[in-house]
Amino acid sequence: MKTKAHKFGLHLFRHDLRIDDNEALHKLVNECDYVVAAYIFDPENLRRSKYGHCHLGKHRHTFLDQGLLALEAALNDANIDLHMFSGDPVRSISELINNNNIDCISFEHHYGFNEQKQIAQLRKLHPKTHLIDGQSHYLLMHDALPFDMADMPDVFSPFRRKVEKNLTVRKHLQEYLKEEFNQKLSQTLSVHKSLLNTEPLVSYKPKHTSSKNGYTGGEENARARINDYFFNTDSIASYKETRNGLDGWDFSSRFSAYLAAGFVSPAYINQQLTKYEAQRVKNDSTYWLFFELLWREFFHLQAKKQAGLFFNFGGIQNKPPAVMHNDAAFMQWKDGTTAYPIVNAAMKQLAATGFMSNRSRQLVASCFVHELQLDWRYGAAYFEEVLIDFDVASNYGNWQYLAGVGSDPRGHRQFNLAKQTEIYDPKGAFISKWQ
């Protein structure tokens, strides 16, 4: 076996729970003689923050565990062990490096504040360990953006115009189809299977739990959803007309949860979208899905540019709104007992399923900051816990947008809740179902 650049590599799974189109993992296999993988479950994710909510609620926790079990099985087929631990991520990875002479670590890049901090700490603690940084969590090639990060527009429309004028979309890693990847691994890595020294780390064991909300975690389930929405039902062809629905399954793509967990990459979705446009139809609806992928990209790049300002009361504009927290009003909003039936129905749907439509998110957030006059950070923290598709950049970026402290050039938009109810629930079916 030909010696590679590094002896022993470890891939740190975080928001990339898949084999396909995982740039960092693929690079690691090419550069290391032996490869293992690790996932670190941080118990801090279950502790309540100062806003009264934890990072990981029951719906996303179930979704995550399902995906981890699926990933473990897929990696096992490829002769890679997935070692899962519970503990502080930086301390745990340091133990693995020190106890196993690991000389190479790979990870998919993520602009989240905590994710960036983890990698910075690892670089400082292990300066001689080679780090491989993948970029497949994103749609665009970030080293080819038509602006420097400091000059990135803080408003979506000029951002979109700039990137679409000089579009540099990442390509799905076609050369690493699953069968070829597994064959390569089986030839080179089987001799090292199960040799990782894991003392004194504590194991994490995902629970075998089924879902009652339509979602099941894992790479294969993500691909199945994409294929169903595109090719089995042609639902994508009318996406622009149906996307403002409030309930049901196929009125929207439901891709966001799979993207947030990393069961699928945006490049794969874009590849399948392009395939659909070539084989079936290319229209405003197919473009609108790409448009939504650009919104996701915009908020992630904003998270990189703005860093801590993404979580500040005054937002990226550094203009704190004239509101304050009120426990009683917050509990009414959270429990769905406000004076606004459309808001109540949406909040009860969220609590029961972990899902809320894009239209409903705008309405409940508008109510939160306007009618109830509450601190937007408490609403964002509740969404962080309960949403099955929580994504730090999209969640906090959208909450700042609705609170008038973010990227919205108009600022502090308020929805007429009665009018919105007439438009989107004229017969009261949604309200009746969730009241």
Protein backbone atom coordinates (compact mmCIF):
# COMPACT_ATOMS: atom_id res chain seq x y z
CA MET A 1 0.00 0.00 0.00
CA LYS A 2 1.41 3.35 -1.04
CA THR A 3 2.23 5.64 1.88
CA LYS A 4 0.19 8.84 1.88
CA ALA A 5 0.97 12.29 3.24
CA HIS A 6 -0.33 11.43 6.73
CA LYS A 7 -0.48 8.25 8.76
CA PHE A 8 -3.61 8.45 10.89
CA GLY A 9 -6.59 10.69 10.13
CA LEU A 10 -9.78 11.42 12.01
CA HIS A 11 -12.88 13.03 10.53
CA LEU A 12 -14.91 15.12 12.97
CA PHE A 13 -18.58 14.95 12.00
CA ARG A 14 -20.61 18.00 13.01
CA HIS A 15 -23.19 19.34 10.54
CA ASP A 16 -22.22 16.94 7.74
CA LEU A 17 -23.77 13.60 8.67
CA ARG A 18 -23.32 12.00 5.25
CA ILE A 19 -20.73 10.23 3.09
CA ASP A 20 -21.74 11.66 -0.28
CA ASP A 21 -20.37 15.08 -1.24
CA ASN A 22 -18.41 15.39 1.99
CA GLU A 23 -15.35 17.26 0.81
CA ALA A 24 -13.36 17.07 4.03
CA LEU A 25 -13.92 13.33 4.50
CA HIS A 26 -12.98 12.61 0.89
CA LYS A 27 -9.78 14.64 1.20
CA LEU A 28 -8.89 12.82 4.41
CA VAL A 29 -9.21 9.43 2.72
CA ASN A 30 -6.88 10.60 -0.05
CA GLU A 31 -4.27 11.98 2.35
CA CYS A 32 -4.17 9.38 5.15
CA ASP A 33 -3.20 5.72 5.39
CA TYR A 34 -5.82 5.03 8.06
CA VAL A 35 -9.07 6.81 8.82
CA VAL A 36 -11.57 6.77 11.67
CA ALA A 37 -14.50 9.09 12.36
CA ALA A 38 -15.92 10.71 15.47
CA TYR A 39 -19.05 12.54 16.50
CA ILE A 40 -19.08 14.43 19.81
CA PHE A 41 -22.43 15.03 21.47
CA ASP A 42 -22.06 18.09 23.70
CA PRO A 43 -24.21 17.80 26.88
CA GLU A 44 -24.25 21.61 26.99
CA ASN A 45 -26.77 21.40 24.14
CA LEU A 46 -29.34 20.21 26.69
CA ARG A 47 -28.70 22.96 29.26
CA ARG A 48 -30.94 26.01 29.36
CA SER A 49 -29.44 29.31 28.30
CA LYS A 50 -30.13 32.68 29.93
CA TYR A 51 -33.15 32.92 27.62
CA GLY A 52 -34.71 29.84 29.22
CA HIS A 53 -34.24 27.32 26.41
CA CYS A 54 -31.72 24.71 25.39
CA HIS A 55 -30.05 24.33 22.03
CA LEU A 56 -31.46 20.89 21.22
CA GLY A 57 -35.12 19.99 21.73
CA LYS A 58 -36.83 16.62 21.42
CA HIS A 59 -37.79 16.81 17.73
CA ARG A 60 -34.33 17.63 16.44
CA HIS A 61 -32.71 15.27 18.95
CA THR A 62 -34.73 12.36 17.54
CA PHE A 63 -33.91 13.45 13.99
CA LEU A 64 -30.22 13.68 14.87
CA ASP A 65 -30.12 10.24 16.50
CA GLN A 66 -31.81 8.68 13.48
CA GLY A 67 -29.21 10.26 11.23
CA LEU A 68 -26.30 9.13 13.41
CA LEU A 69 -27.48 5.53 13.38
CA ALA A 70 -27.83 5.66 9.60
CA LEU A 71 -24.37 7.22 9.24
CA GLU A 72 -22.83 4.61 11.53
CA ALA A 73 -24.23 1.82 9.36
CA ALA A 74 -23.09 3.46 6.12
CA LEU A 75 -19.58 4.05 7.44
CA ASN A 76 -19.41 0.51 8.77
CA ASP A 77 -20.09 -0.73 5.23
CA ALA A 78 -17.13 1.40 4.14
CA ASN A 79 -14.85 -0.06 6.83
CA ILE A 80 -14.77 3.15 8.86
CA ASP A 81 -15.74 3.12 12.53
CA LEU A 82 -17.88 6.00 13.74
CA HIS A 83 -16.97 6.60 17.38
CA MET A 84 -19.60 8.62 19.21
CA PHE A 85 -18.82 10.34 22.49
CA SER A 86 -20.54 12.63 24.98
CA GLY A 87 -18.49 15.52 26.28
CA ASP A 88 -16.83 18.80 25.47
CA PRO A 89 -15.92 18.61 21.75
CA VAL A 90 -12.50 20.27 22.00
CA ARG A 91 -11.43 18.29 25.05
CA SER A 92 -12.67 15.04 23.50
CA ILE A 93 -10.86 15.54 20.20
CA SER A 94 -7.70 16.51 22.07
CA GLU A 95 -7.85 13.24 24.03
CA LEU A 96 -8.20 11.30 20.78
CA ILE A 97 -5.28 13.14 19.18
CA ASN A 98 -3.01 12.64 22.18
CA ASN A 99 -3.89 8.99 22.80
CA ASN A 100 -3.69 7.82 19.20
CA ASN A 101 -0.95 9.87 17.53
CA ILE A 102 -3.51 11.28 15.11
CA ASP A 103 -1.66 13.60 12.75
CA CYS A 104 -4.55 14.79 10.58
CA ILE A 105 -8.08 16.03 11.39
CA SER A 106 -10.76 16.82 8.83
CA PHE A 107 -14.02 18.73 9.27
CA GLU A 108 -16.58 20.55 7.18
CA HIS A 109 -16.35 24.29 7.65
CA HIS A 110 -19.22 26.03 9.42
CA TYR A 111 -19.56 29.76 10.13
CA GLY A 112 -21.41 29.28 13.41
CA PHE A 113 -19.81 31.17 16.29
CA ASN A 114 -19.31 28.07 18.46
CA GLU A 115 -18.14 25.95 15.54
CA GLN A 116 -15.51 28.54 14.61
CA LYS A 117 -14.38 28.76 18.22
CA GLN A 118 -13.91 24.98 18.45
CA ILE A 119 -11.60 24.84 15.45
CA ALA A 120 -9.60 27.86 16.64
CA GLN A 121 -9.03 26.12 19.99
CA LEU A 122 -7.94 22.90 18.29
CA ARG A 123 -5.48 24.80 16.12
CA LYS A 124 -3.99 26.41 19.21
CA LEU A 125 -3.80 23.18 21.22
CA HIS A 126 -2.41 21.05 18.39
CA PRO A 127 -0.34 23.25 16.08
CA LYS A 128 1.46 20.23 14.56
CA THR A 129 -1.76 18.43 13.62
CA HIS A 130 -2.72 18.95 9.99
CA LEU A 131 -6.29 20.24 9.59
CA ILE A 132 -8.35 19.63 6.46
CA ASP A 133 -11.14 22.13 5.95
CA GLY A 134 -14.02 21.15 3.64
CA GLN A 135 -16.51 23.57 2.11
CA SER A 136 -19.41 21.33 1.06
CA HIS A 137 -21.78 22.81 3.66
CA TYR A 138 -22.19 25.73 1.25
CA LEU A 139 -23.57 26.27 -2.23
CA LEU A 140 -21.09 28.81 -3.58
CA MET A 141 -17.31 28.67 -3.91
CA HIS A 142 -16.40 31.12 -1.16
CA ASP A 143 -12.89 31.65 -2.43
CA ALA A 144 -14.38 32.96 -5.70
CA LEU A 145 -17.00 35.39 -4.40
CA PRO A 146 -17.17 38.70 -6.31
CA PHE A 147 -16.35 40.71 -3.17
CA ASP A 148 -14.13 40.61 -0.11
CA MET A 149 -15.90 39.54 3.06
CA ALA A 150 -15.56 43.02 4.58
CA ASP A 151 -17.39 44.42 1.53
CA MET A 152 -20.12 41.81 1.40
CA PRO A 153 -23.55 43.49 1.09
CA ASP A 154 -25.62 43.44 4.29
CA VAL A 155 -28.84 43.33 2.25
CA PHE A 156 -29.90 40.28 0.26
CA SER A 157 -30.89 41.84 -3.09
CA PRO A 158 -27.48 43.42 -3.89
CA PHE A 159 -25.82 40.22 -2.64
CA ARG A 160 -27.95 38.12 -5.01
CA ARG A 161 -27.28 40.41 -7.97
CA LYS A 162 -23.53 40.26 -7.39
CA VAL A 163 -23.28 36.48 -7.01
CA GLU A 164 -25.71 35.70 -9.85
CA LYS A 165 -23.78 37.98 -12.19
CA ASN A 166 -20.65 35.95 -11.51
CA LEU A 167 -22.07 32.64 -10.31
CA THR A 168 -19.59 30.15 -8.86
CA VAL A 169 -21.74 27.27 -7.62
CA ARG A 170 -19.99 24.32 -6.01
CA LYS A 171 -20.18 21.13 -8.02
CA HIS A 172 -21.41 17.95 -6.43
CA LEU A 173 -18.40 15.64 -5.96
CA GLN A 174 -19.27 13.22 -8.74
CA GLU A 175 -15.97 11.36 -8.50
CA TYR A 176 -16.93 10.17 -5.03
CA LEU A 177 -20.09 8.24 -5.68
CA LYS A 178 -20.85 5.96 -2.80
CA GLU A 179 -19.84 2.67 -4.49
CA GLU A 180 -16.44 4.01 -5.58
CA PHE A 181 -15.84 5.56 -2.17
CA ASN A 182 -16.61 2.32 -0.35
CA GLN A 183 -14.38 0.31 -2.67
CA LYS A 184 -11.47 2.66 -2.07
CA LEU A 185 -11.91 2.45 1.69
CA SER A 186 -12.26 -1.32 1.80
CA GLN A 187 -8.92 -1.64 0.04
CA THR A 188 -6.98 0.63 2.37
CA LEU A 189 -8.59 0.92 5.78
CA SER A 190 -9.83 -2.45 6.98
CA VAL A 191 -6.57 -3.23 8.74
CA HIS A 192 -7.11 -0.36 11.15
CA LYS A 193 -10.72 -1.07 12.06
CA SER A 194 -11.58 -0.77 15.77
CA LEU A 195 -8.06 0.11 16.96
CA LEU A 196 -8.85 3.59 18.30
CA ASN A 197 -7.93 4.18 21.94
CA THR A 198 -10.95 5.98 23.36
CA GLU A 199 -10.08 6.17 27.06
CA PRO A 200 -11.25 8.06 29.15
CA LEU A 201 -14.04 9.33 26.89
CA VAL A 202 -17.72 8.60 27.55
CA SER A 203 -19.67 6.92 24.74
CA TYR A 204 -22.79 8.46 23.23
CA LYS A 205 -25.47 6.00 22.15
CA PRO A 206 -28.20 7.33 19.83
CA LYS A 207 -31.73 6.19 20.63
CA HIS A 208 -33.70 4.07 18.18
CA THR A 209 -36.77 6.32 18.08
CA SER A 210 -39.38 6.70 15.37
CA SER A 211 -40.89 10.03 14.32
CA LYS A 212 -44.54 11.09 14.12
CA ASN A 213 -43.96 14.31 12.20
CA GLY A 214 -43.06 12.94 8.76
CA TYR A 215 -39.32 13.41 9.16
CA THR A 216 -36.78 10.59 9.45
CA GLY A 217 -33.12 11.47 9.69
CA GLY A 218 -30.31 10.14 7.51
CA GLU A 219 -28.65 10.58 4.14
CA GLU A 220 -30.80 8.06 2.27
CA ASN A 221 -34.02 9.59 3.64
CA ALA A 222 -32.85 13.04 2.57
CA ARG A 223 -32.21 11.82 -0.97
CA ALA A 224 -35.56 10.05 -1.03
CA ARG A 225 -37.33 13.28 -0.04
CA ILE A 226 -35.57 15.22 -2.81
CA ASN A 227 -36.41 12.60 -5.40
CA ASP A 228 -40.03 12.49 -4.26
CA TYR A 229 -40.49 16.27 -4.29
CA PHE A 230 -38.84 16.63 -7.69
CA PHE A 231 -39.42 13.53 -9.79
CA ASN A 232 -42.19 11.49 -8.15
CA THR A 233 -44.70 14.28 -7.50
CA ASP A 234 -43.43 17.23 -9.62
CA SER A 235 -44.27 19.40 -6.60
CA ILE A 236 -41.30 21.62 -7.37
CA ALA A 237 -43.03 22.81 -10.56
CA SER A 238 -45.58 24.78 -8.51
CA TYR A 239 -43.37 25.67 -5.53
CA LYS A 240 -43.67 29.44 -5.98
CA GLU A 241 -47.47 29.21 -5.86
CA THR A 242 -47.70 26.80 -2.91
CA ARG A 243 -44.78 27.87 -0.71
CA ASN A 244 -46.91 30.16 1.48
CA GLY A 245 -49.06 27.30 2.70
CA LEU A 246 -49.38 26.65 6.42
CA ASP A 247 -49.88 22.90 6.76
CA GLY A 248 -49.37 19.65 4.88
CA TRP A 249 -46.28 18.05 3.41
CA ASP A 250 -45.77 18.91 -0.26
CA PHE A 251 -46.65 22.62 -0.29
CA SER A 252 -42.94 23.23 0.50
CA SER A 253 -39.79 21.23 -0.11
CA ARG A 254 -39.04 20.38 3.54
CA PHE A 255 -35.34 20.26 2.57
CA SER A 256 -34.19 22.67 5.28
CA ALA A 257 -34.08 20.07 8.06
CA TYR A 258 -31.94 17.71 6.00
CA LEU A 259 -29.64 20.58 5.02
CA ALA A 260 -29.24 21.81 8.60
CA ALA A 261 -28.24 18.37 9.89
CA GLY A 262 -25.99 17.80 6.90
CA PHE A 263 -27.79 14.70 5.62
CA VAL A 264 -27.52 16.29 2.19
CA SER A 265 -25.42 19.08 0.67
CA PRO A 266 -26.77 22.16 -1.14
CA ALA A 267 -24.67 21.17 -4.16
CA TYR A 268 -26.53 17.86 -4.40
CA ILE A 269 -29.91 19.63 -4.22
CA ASN A 270 -28.78 22.05 -6.91
CA GLN A 271 -27.55 19.16 -9.05
CA GLN A 272 -30.92 17.42 -8.82
CA LEU A 273 -32.74 20.72 -9.46
CA THR A 274 -30.69 21.28 -12.63
CA LYS A 275 -31.43 17.72 -13.70
CA TYR A 276 -35.16 18.29 -13.14
CA GLU A 277 -35.09 21.51 -15.15
CA ALA A 278 -33.39 19.70 -18.03
CA GLN A 279 -35.78 16.71 -17.99
CA ARG A 280 -39.12 18.23 -16.94
CA VAL A 281 -39.58 21.98 -16.74
CA LYS A 282 -37.65 25.13 -15.88
CA ASN A 283 -39.89 27.90 -14.56
CA ASP A 284 -40.27 30.53 -11.84
CA SER A 285 -40.87 27.83 -9.23
CA THR A 286 -37.65 25.93 -9.95
CA TYR A 287 -35.74 29.21 -9.83
CA TRP A 288 -37.42 30.08 -6.54
CA LEU A 289 -35.93 27.02 -4.87
CA PHE A 290 -32.49 28.14 -6.02
CA PHE A 291 -33.40 31.60 -4.74
CA GLU A 292 -34.08 30.09 -1.28
CA LEU A 293 -30.68 28.34 -1.36
CA LEU A 294 -29.12 31.75 -2.00
CA TRP A 295 -30.94 33.15 1.06
CA ARG A 296 -29.40 30.36 3.14
CA GLU A 297 -25.98 31.19 1.69
CA PHE A 298 -26.48 34.88 2.40
CA PHE A 299 -27.25 34.34 6.08
CA HIS A 300 -24.27 32.00 6.54
CA LEU A 301 -21.91 34.52 4.99
CA GLN A 302 -23.45 37.22 7.17
CA ALA A 303 -22.78 35.02 10.20
CA LYS A 304 -19.14 34.86 9.16
CA LYS A 305 -18.90 38.61 8.57
CA GLN A 306 -20.87 39.77 11.62
CA ALA A 307 -19.75 37.09 14.15
CA GLY A 308 -21.06 38.03 17.62
CA LEU A 309 -23.33 40.79 16.30
CA PHE A 310 -25.61 38.05 15.02
CA PHE A 311 -26.73 37.46 18.62
CA ASN A 312 -26.70 41.01 19.99
CA PHE A 313 -29.92 42.76 21.01
CA GLY A 314 -29.20 45.60 18.56
CA GLY A 315 -28.38 43.14 15.79
CA ILE A 316 -25.98 43.86 12.94
CA GLN A 317 -27.32 47.43 12.84
CA ASN A 318 -26.39 47.88 16.52
CA LYS A 319 -29.73 49.61 17.16
CA PRO A 320 -31.49 48.03 20.16
CA PRO A 321 -35.29 48.12 19.73
CA ALA A 322 -37.47 49.84 22.33
CA VAL A 323 -38.89 46.62 23.77
CA MET A 324 -38.26 44.47 26.82
CA HIS A 325 -38.88 40.92 28.00
CA ASN A 326 -42.17 40.06 29.68
CA ASP A 327 -42.51 36.52 31.05
CA ALA A 328 -46.30 36.41 30.96
CA ALA A 329 -46.57 37.63 27.35
CA PHE A 330 -43.76 35.31 26.29
CA MET A 331 -45.49 32.28 27.79
CA GLN A 332 -48.74 33.19 26.01
CA TRP A 333 -46.88 33.35 22.70
CA LYS A 334 -45.00 30.12 23.35
CA ASP A 335 -48.11 28.20 24.52
CA GLY A 336 -50.36 29.54 21.76
CA THR A 337 -52.74 31.45 24.05
CA THR A 338 -52.41 34.97 22.63
CA ALA A 339 -55.30 37.05 21.25
CA TYR A 340 -54.32 36.03 17.70
CA PRO A 341 -55.72 32.65 16.50
CA ILE A 342 -53.36 32.32 13.51
CA VAL A 343 -50.35 32.77 15.81
CA ASN A 344 -51.73 30.32 18.36
CA ALA A 345 -52.29 27.62 15.73
CA ALA A 346 -48.78 28.02 14.36
CA MET A 347 -47.18 27.85 17.80
CA LYS A 348 -49.13 24.71 18.72
CA GLN A 349 -48.15 23.12 15.43
CA LEU A 350 -44.51 23.92 16.18
CA ALA A 351 -44.60 22.45 19.68
CA ALA A 352 -46.29 19.26 18.45
CA THR A 353 -44.21 18.62 15.33
CA GLY A 354 -41.04 20.73 15.33
CA PHE A 355 -42.21 22.23 12.03
CA MET A 356 -43.55 25.66 11.12
CA SER A 357 -44.01 27.01 7.60
CA ASN A 358 -42.08 30.02 6.37
CA ARG A 359 -45.25 32.13 6.27
CA SER A 360 -46.14 31.18 9.84
CA ARG A 361 -42.62 32.02 11.04
CA GLN A 362 -42.98 35.52 9.69
CA LEU A 363 -46.38 35.97 11.31
CA VAL A 364 -45.44 34.69 14.77
CA ALA A 365 -42.20 36.68 14.77
CA SER A 366 -44.01 39.84 13.69
CA CYS A 367 -46.53 39.33 16.50
CA PHE A 368 -43.69 38.73 18.95
CA VAL A 369 -41.85 41.99 18.24
CA HIS A 370 -44.81 44.26 17.38
CA GLU A 371 -48.04 43.24 19.11
CA LEU A 372 -46.32 41.73 22.16
CA GLN A 373 -43.32 44.11 22.19
CA LEU A 374 -40.84 41.42 23.27
CA ASP A 375 -37.07 40.99 23.04
CA TRP A 376 -36.49 39.08 19.77
CA ARG A 377 -33.65 37.02 21.28
CA TYR A 378 -36.12 35.07 23.43
CA GLY A 379 -38.13 34.13 20.35
CA ALA A 380 -34.97 33.11 18.50
CA ALA A 381 -33.88 30.99 21.47
CA TYR A 382 -37.23 29.19 21.58
CA PHE A 383 -37.03 28.47 17.85
CA GLU A 384 -33.48 27.19 18.37
CA GLU A 385 -34.76 24.57 20.79
CA VAL A 386 -37.95 23.49 19.06
CA LEU A 387 -37.39 23.72 15.28
CA ILE A 388 -36.39 20.47 13.63
CA ASP A 389 -34.63 22.48 10.90
CA PHE A 390 -32.80 24.89 13.21
CA ASP A 391 -29.85 26.47 11.45
CA VAL A 392 -28.00 29.09 13.46
CA ALA A 393 -27.42 31.51 10.58
CA SER A 394 -30.91 31.29 9.07
CA ASN A 395 -32.65 31.41 12.44
CA TYR A 396 -30.86 34.41 13.91
CA GLY A 397 -30.62 36.17 10.55
CA ASN A 398 -34.38 35.90 10.00
CA TRP A 399 -35.24 36.94 13.55
CA GLN A 400 -33.07 40.04 13.24
CA TYR A 401 -34.71 40.77 9.90
CA LEU A 402 -38.22 40.69 11.42
CA ALA A 403 -37.12 42.61 14.51
CA GLY A 404 -35.81 45.47 12.39
CA VAL A 405 -32.20 45.11 13.55
CA GLY A 406 -30.87 42.90 10.74
CA SER A 407 -30.48 42.89 6.98
CA ASP A 408 -33.89 44.30 6.04
CA PRO A 409 -33.42 47.75 4.40
CA ARG A 410 -37.01 48.76 5.21
CA GLY A 411 -36.74 47.75 8.83
CA HIS A 412 -39.25 46.60 11.45
CA ARG A 413 -41.89 45.07 9.14
CA GLN A 414 -45.24 44.37 10.70
CA PHE A 415 -47.83 41.96 9.31
CA ASN A 416 -51.55 42.61 9.61
CA LEU A 417 -52.51 39.34 11.29
CA ALA A 418 -56.22 39.57 10.48
CA LYS A 419 -55.51 40.20 6.79
CA GLN A 420 -52.91 37.43 6.69
CA THR A 421 -55.47 35.03 8.16
CA GLU A 422 -57.99 35.97 5.45
CA ILE A 423 -55.39 35.32 2.74
CA TYR A 424 -53.76 32.12 3.98
CA ASP A 425 -56.45 30.47 6.12
CA PRO A 426 -59.73 31.84 4.69
CA LYS A 427 -61.84 28.86 5.81
CA GLY A 428 -60.13 28.53 9.17
CA ALA A 429 -58.98 24.96 8.51
CA PHE A 430 -55.47 25.52 9.87
CA ILE A 431 -56.71 27.31 13.00
CA SER A 432 -59.37 24.64 13.64
CA LYS A 433 -56.84 21.83 13.31
CA TRP A 434 -54.33 23.27 15.79
CA GLN A 435 -56.51 25.23 18.23
